[in-house]
N, C-alpha and C. Protein backbone atom coordinates (compact mmCIF):
# COMPACT_ATOMS: atom_id res chain seq x y z
N MET A 1 -19.78 -5.03 28.51
CA MET A 1 -18.16 -5.13 28.51
C MET A 1 -18.14 -5.49 26.51
N ILE A 2 -17.38 -4.72 25.79
CA ILE A 2 -17.05 -4.70 24.45
C ILE A 2 -15.87 -5.39 24.47
N LEU A 3 -15.90 -6.15 23.50
CA LEU A 3 -14.66 -6.60 22.67
C LEU A 3 -14.29 -6.37 21.43
N GLU A 4 -13.01 -5.73 21.46
CA GLU A 4 -12.31 -5.42 20.20
C GLU A 4 -11.81 -5.91 19.35
N ALA A 5 -11.75 -6.43 18.02
CA ALA A 5 -11.07 -7.45 17.54
C ALA A 5 -10.56 -6.93 16.35
N ALA A 6 -9.19 -7.09 16.33
CA ALA A 6 -8.15 -6.34 15.20
C ALA A 6 -7.36 -7.24 14.57
N ILE A 7 -6.99 -7.17 13.31
CA ILE A 7 -6.28 -8.27 12.43
C ILE A 7 -4.72 -7.27 12.37
N LEU A 8 -3.74 -7.15 12.79
CA LEU A 8 -2.56 -6.50 12.97
C LEU A 8 -1.87 -7.15 11.69
N LYS A 9 -1.30 -6.78 10.56
CA LYS A 9 -0.12 -6.92 9.66
C LYS A 9 0.54 -6.15 9.91
N VAL A 10 1.71 -6.92 9.75
CA VAL A 10 3.01 -6.28 9.82
C VAL A 10 3.84 -6.41 8.47
N LYS A 11 5.10 -5.79 8.44
CA LYS A 11 5.86 -6.12 7.05
C LYS A 11 6.69 -7.04 7.45
N PRO A 12 6.78 -7.61 6.18
CA PRO A 12 8.13 -9.37 6.77
C PRO A 12 9.10 -8.87 7.39
N GLU A 13 9.61 -10.04 7.93
CA GLU A 13 10.77 -9.85 8.72
C GLU A 13 10.31 -8.73 9.73
N SER A 14 9.71 -7.94 10.06
CA SER A 14 9.36 -7.26 11.37
C SER A 14 8.64 -7.13 12.27
N SER A 15 8.74 -8.66 12.34
CA SER A 15 7.95 -9.12 13.65
C SER A 15 8.53 -8.82 15.13
N SER A 16 9.77 -9.11 15.30
CA SER A 16 10.27 -9.14 16.38
C SER A 16 10.45 -7.33 16.80
N ASP A 17 10.97 -6.49 15.68
CA ASP A 17 10.68 -5.36 16.48
C ASP A 17 9.19 -4.61 16.27
N PHE A 18 8.42 -5.00 15.70
CA PHE A 18 6.78 -5.05 16.26
C PHE A 18 6.43 -5.50 17.41
N GLU A 19 6.83 -6.52 17.95
CA GLU A 19 6.37 -6.87 19.00
C GLU A 19 7.23 -5.90 20.34
N SER A 20 8.44 -5.42 20.30
CA SER A 20 9.18 -4.71 21.05
C SER A 20 7.99 -3.46 21.20
N GLY A 21 7.90 -2.84 19.90
CA GLY A 21 7.31 -1.61 19.86
C GLY A 21 6.05 -1.10 20.33
N PHE A 22 5.39 -2.79 19.98
CA PHE A 22 3.79 -2.84 20.67
C PHE A 22 3.57 -2.75 22.72
N ARG A 23 5.17 -3.45 22.95
CA ARG A 23 5.03 -3.46 24.37
C ARG A 23 5.17 -2.02 24.61
N GLY A 24 6.07 -1.26 24.15
CA GLY A 24 6.15 0.10 24.62
C GLY A 24 4.74 1.08 24.23
N ALA A 25 4.04 0.91 23.14
CA ALA A 25 2.91 1.31 22.85
C ALA A 25 1.57 0.91 23.85
N SER A 26 2.01 -0.02 24.06
CA SER A 26 0.89 -0.59 24.89
C SER A 26 0.37 0.65 26.45
N ARG A 27 1.08 1.06 26.62
CA ARG A 27 0.94 1.77 27.70
C ARG A 27 -0.37 2.52 27.37
N LEU A 28 -0.26 3.39 26.35
CA LEU A 28 -1.07 4.47 25.54
C LEU A 28 -2.75 3.88 25.65
N LEU A 29 -2.54 2.56 25.23
CA LEU A 29 -3.93 1.46 25.27
C LEU A 29 -4.65 1.52 26.47
N ALA A 30 -3.52 1.05 27.32
CA ALA A 30 -3.75 1.01 28.92
C ALA A 30 -4.50 2.34 29.76
N GLU A 31 -4.09 3.51 29.33
CA GLU A 31 -4.35 4.59 29.92
C GLU A 31 -5.68 4.98 29.09
N ALA A 32 -6.18 4.58 28.30
CA ALA A 32 -7.40 5.19 27.68
C ALA A 32 -8.66 4.55 28.49
N PRO A 33 -9.26 5.71 28.37
CA PRO A 33 -10.51 5.47 29.86
C PRO A 33 -11.41 4.82 29.16
N GLY A 34 -11.67 3.78 29.75
CA GLY A 34 -12.97 2.62 29.75
C GLY A 34 -12.17 1.50 29.01
N TYR A 35 -10.40 1.34 28.94
CA TYR A 35 -10.14 0.30 28.87
C TYR A 35 -10.35 -0.65 30.19
N ILE A 36 -10.51 -1.83 29.69
CA ILE A 36 -10.41 -3.09 30.76
C ILE A 36 -9.13 -3.64 30.87
N GLY A 37 -8.58 -4.49 29.60
CA GLY A 37 -7.52 -5.14 29.14
C GLY A 37 -7.39 -5.32 27.71
N HIS A 38 -6.09 -6.16 27.40
CA HIS A 38 -5.76 -6.55 26.06
C HIS A 38 -5.07 -7.70 26.32
N GLU A 39 -5.07 -8.38 24.54
CA GLU A 39 -4.24 -9.41 24.22
C GLU A 39 -3.62 -9.28 23.15
N LEU A 40 -2.48 -9.50 23.04
CA LEU A 40 -1.89 -9.72 21.51
C LEU A 40 -1.61 -11.33 21.18
N HIS A 41 -2.03 -11.64 19.76
CA HIS A 41 -1.53 -13.18 19.41
C HIS A 41 -0.72 -13.05 18.16
N LYS A 42 -0.02 -13.72 18.47
CA LYS A 42 0.62 -13.91 16.90
C LYS A 42 0.03 -15.73 16.12
N CYS A 43 0.04 -15.01 14.64
CA CYS A 43 -0.63 -16.26 14.30
C CYS A 43 0.34 -16.84 13.74
N VAL A 44 -0.37 -18.57 13.86
CA VAL A 44 0.86 -19.44 13.50
C VAL A 44 1.27 -19.77 12.10
N GLU A 45 -0.27 -19.47 11.64
CA GLU A 45 0.14 -19.88 9.56
C GLU A 45 0.70 -18.79 9.21
N ARG A 46 0.25 -17.55 9.43
CA ARG A 46 0.82 -16.22 8.81
C ARG A 46 1.98 -15.51 9.89
N ALA A 47 3.29 -15.43 9.70
CA ALA A 47 4.09 -15.18 10.67
C ALA A 47 3.91 -13.64 11.00
N ASP A 48 3.76 -12.78 9.87
CA ASP A 48 3.34 -11.76 10.07
C ASP A 48 1.87 -11.17 10.32
N GLN A 49 1.09 -11.74 10.72
CA GLN A 49 -0.01 -11.22 11.35
C GLN A 49 -0.62 -11.37 13.34
N TYR A 50 -1.12 -10.41 13.54
CA TYR A 50 -1.17 -10.84 14.91
C TYR A 50 -2.81 -10.36 15.07
N LEU A 51 -3.42 -11.16 15.98
CA LEU A 51 -4.82 -10.86 16.22
C LEU A 51 -4.94 -9.71 17.93
N LEU A 52 -5.38 -8.81 17.60
CA LEU A 52 -4.95 -7.84 18.76
C LEU A 52 -6.74 -7.76 19.70
N LEU A 53 -6.82 -8.29 20.49
CA LEU A 53 -7.94 -8.45 21.51
C LEU A 53 -7.90 -7.41 22.84
N VAL A 54 -9.13 -6.25 22.57
CA VAL A 54 -8.85 -5.38 23.55
C VAL A 54 -10.60 -5.10 24.23
N ARG A 55 -10.37 -5.33 25.45
CA ARG A 55 -11.92 -5.13 26.23
C ARG A 55 -11.94 -3.64 26.78
N TRP A 56 -13.34 -2.94 26.56
CA TRP A 56 -13.64 -1.93 26.78
C TRP A 56 -15.13 -1.85 27.67
N ASN A 57 -15.39 -1.16 28.65
CA ASN A 57 -16.65 -0.83 29.11
C ASN A 57 -17.42 -0.54 28.34
N SER A 58 -17.26 0.26 27.32
CA SER A 58 -18.79 0.56 26.18
C SER A 58 -18.05 0.90 24.84
N ILE A 59 -19.13 0.46 23.97
CA ILE A 59 -18.70 1.00 22.50
C ILE A 59 -18.17 2.25 22.43
N SER A 60 -18.61 2.98 23.14
CA SER A 60 -17.86 4.71 22.78
C SER A 60 -16.61 4.55 23.06
N ASP A 61 -16.34 3.79 24.06
CA ASP A 61 -14.98 4.16 24.69
C ASP A 61 -13.83 3.92 23.36
N PRO A 62 -13.55 2.92 22.59
CA PRO A 62 -12.77 2.82 21.78
C PRO A 62 -12.98 3.91 20.61
N ILE A 63 -14.21 3.90 20.02
CA ILE A 63 -14.69 4.95 19.05
C ILE A 63 -14.98 6.35 19.15
N ALA A 64 -15.66 6.95 20.12
CA ALA A 64 -15.64 8.21 20.55
C ALA A 64 -14.38 8.46 21.89
N GLY A 65 -13.91 7.65 22.13
CA GLY A 65 -12.84 8.04 22.54
C GLY A 65 -11.35 8.16 22.17
N PHE A 66 -11.04 6.84 22.45
CA PHE A 66 -9.29 6.56 21.97
C PHE A 66 -9.06 6.58 20.52
N ARG A 67 -9.82 6.59 19.62
CA ARG A 67 -9.55 6.81 18.16
C ARG A 67 -9.50 8.22 17.70
N LYS A 68 -10.05 9.12 19.03
CA LYS A 68 -10.37 10.57 18.45
C LYS A 68 -9.11 11.28 19.60
N SER A 69 -8.64 10.64 20.10
CA SER A 69 -7.25 11.29 21.11
C SER A 69 -5.95 11.45 20.59
N GLU A 70 -5.53 12.08 21.23
CA GLU A 70 -3.74 12.54 20.79
C GLU A 70 -2.94 11.28 21.03
N ALA A 71 -3.60 10.41 21.92
CA ALA A 71 -2.81 9.11 22.31
C ALA A 71 -2.89 8.06 21.36
N TYR A 72 -4.16 8.05 20.67
CA TYR A 72 -4.14 7.28 19.29
C TYR A 72 -3.33 7.58 18.13
N ARG A 73 -3.11 9.09 18.26
CA ARG A 73 -2.39 9.50 16.80
C ARG A 73 -0.64 8.69 17.42
N THR A 74 -0.55 8.85 18.72
CA THR A 74 0.86 8.97 18.90
C THR A 74 0.93 7.30 18.76
N TRP A 75 0.02 6.17 18.95
CA TRP A 75 -0.28 4.98 19.02
C TRP A 75 -0.12 4.62 17.64
N GLN A 76 -0.54 5.00 16.69
CA GLN A 76 -0.66 4.83 15.35
C GLN A 76 1.00 5.10 14.53
N GLU A 77 1.47 6.43 15.49
CA GLU A 77 2.87 7.13 15.20
C GLU A 77 3.87 5.78 15.25
N LEU A 78 3.71 5.21 16.61
CA LEU A 78 4.56 4.62 17.12
C LEU A 78 4.68 2.70 16.37
N LEU A 79 3.63 2.51 15.76
CA LEU A 79 3.25 1.34 15.14
C LEU A 79 3.74 1.42 13.78
N SER A 80 3.58 2.60 13.31
CA SER A 80 3.09 2.57 11.68
C SER A 80 4.62 1.86 11.19
N PRO A 81 5.56 2.21 11.42
CA PRO A 81 7.00 1.80 10.73
C PRO A 81 7.17 0.30 10.70
N TRP A 82 6.00 -0.37 11.16
CA TRP A 82 5.88 -2.07 11.29
C TRP A 82 5.00 -2.58 10.66
N CYS A 83 3.76 -2.02 10.49
CA CYS A 83 2.37 -2.12 9.85
C CYS A 83 2.15 -2.02 8.67
N GLU A 84 1.64 -2.95 7.70
CA GLU A 84 1.78 -3.10 6.25
C GLU A 84 0.15 -1.87 6.03
N THR A 85 -0.75 -1.89 7.08
CA THR A 85 -1.98 -1.23 6.69
C THR A 85 -2.83 -0.87 7.69
N GLU A 86 -3.37 0.59 8.15
CA GLU A 86 -4.20 0.91 9.09
C GLU A 86 -5.03 0.30 9.04
N THR A 87 -5.03 -0.59 10.93
CA THR A 87 -5.70 -1.26 11.25
C THR A 87 -7.28 -0.68 11.92
N SER A 88 -8.86 -1.42 11.43
CA SER A 88 -9.76 -0.98 11.98
C SER A 88 -10.33 -2.49 12.70
N GLY A 89 -10.71 -1.95 13.87
CA GLY A 89 -10.86 -3.18 15.19
C GLY A 89 -12.97 -3.36 14.66
N GLU A 90 -12.95 -4.34 14.94
CA GLU A 90 -14.81 -5.07 14.95
C GLU A 90 -15.48 -5.13 16.48
N HIS A 91 -16.41 -4.77 16.72
CA HIS A 91 -16.57 -4.86 18.13
C HIS A 91 -17.67 -5.82 18.20
N TYR A 92 -17.59 -6.50 19.59
CA TYR A 92 -18.23 -7.66 20.11
C TYR A 92 -19.11 -7.64 21.29
N VAL A 93 -20.05 -7.84 21.27
CA VAL A 93 -20.61 -8.47 22.79
C VAL A 93 -20.92 -9.74 23.29
N GLU A 94 -20.54 -10.45 24.17
CA GLU A 94 -20.76 -11.68 24.68
C GLU A 94 -22.09 -11.98 24.39
N ILE A 95 -22.21 -13.37 24.25
CA ILE A 95 -23.44 -13.66 23.93
C ILE A 95 -23.43 -15.16 25.13
N ARG A 96 -24.27 -14.98 26.08
CA ARG A 96 -23.98 -16.33 27.21
C ARG A 96 -24.94 -17.47 26.56
N THR A 97 -24.30 -18.33 26.93
CA THR A 97 -24.91 -19.96 26.25
C THR A 97 -24.89 -20.86 27.49
């Protein structure tokens, strides 16, 4: 499993609208091949910052799959009115301890 972590920065005073828009756009993410699940967290110290965590089956699912799909372009269009910058995620694998 791959964990993708992305910091989302939204325009000031648009958190509520972003959260509503994100709920609608989430279906595009959930329908992507290799998708396992996701979580969205709001930053306590920075009201306009979010952490998106997405679990994928493999590294190719988000990179070669979702990001190159029409669904991703629609995802970006739906969220762009509230996001300050384009987001990029970093990918992690679990280390058993």
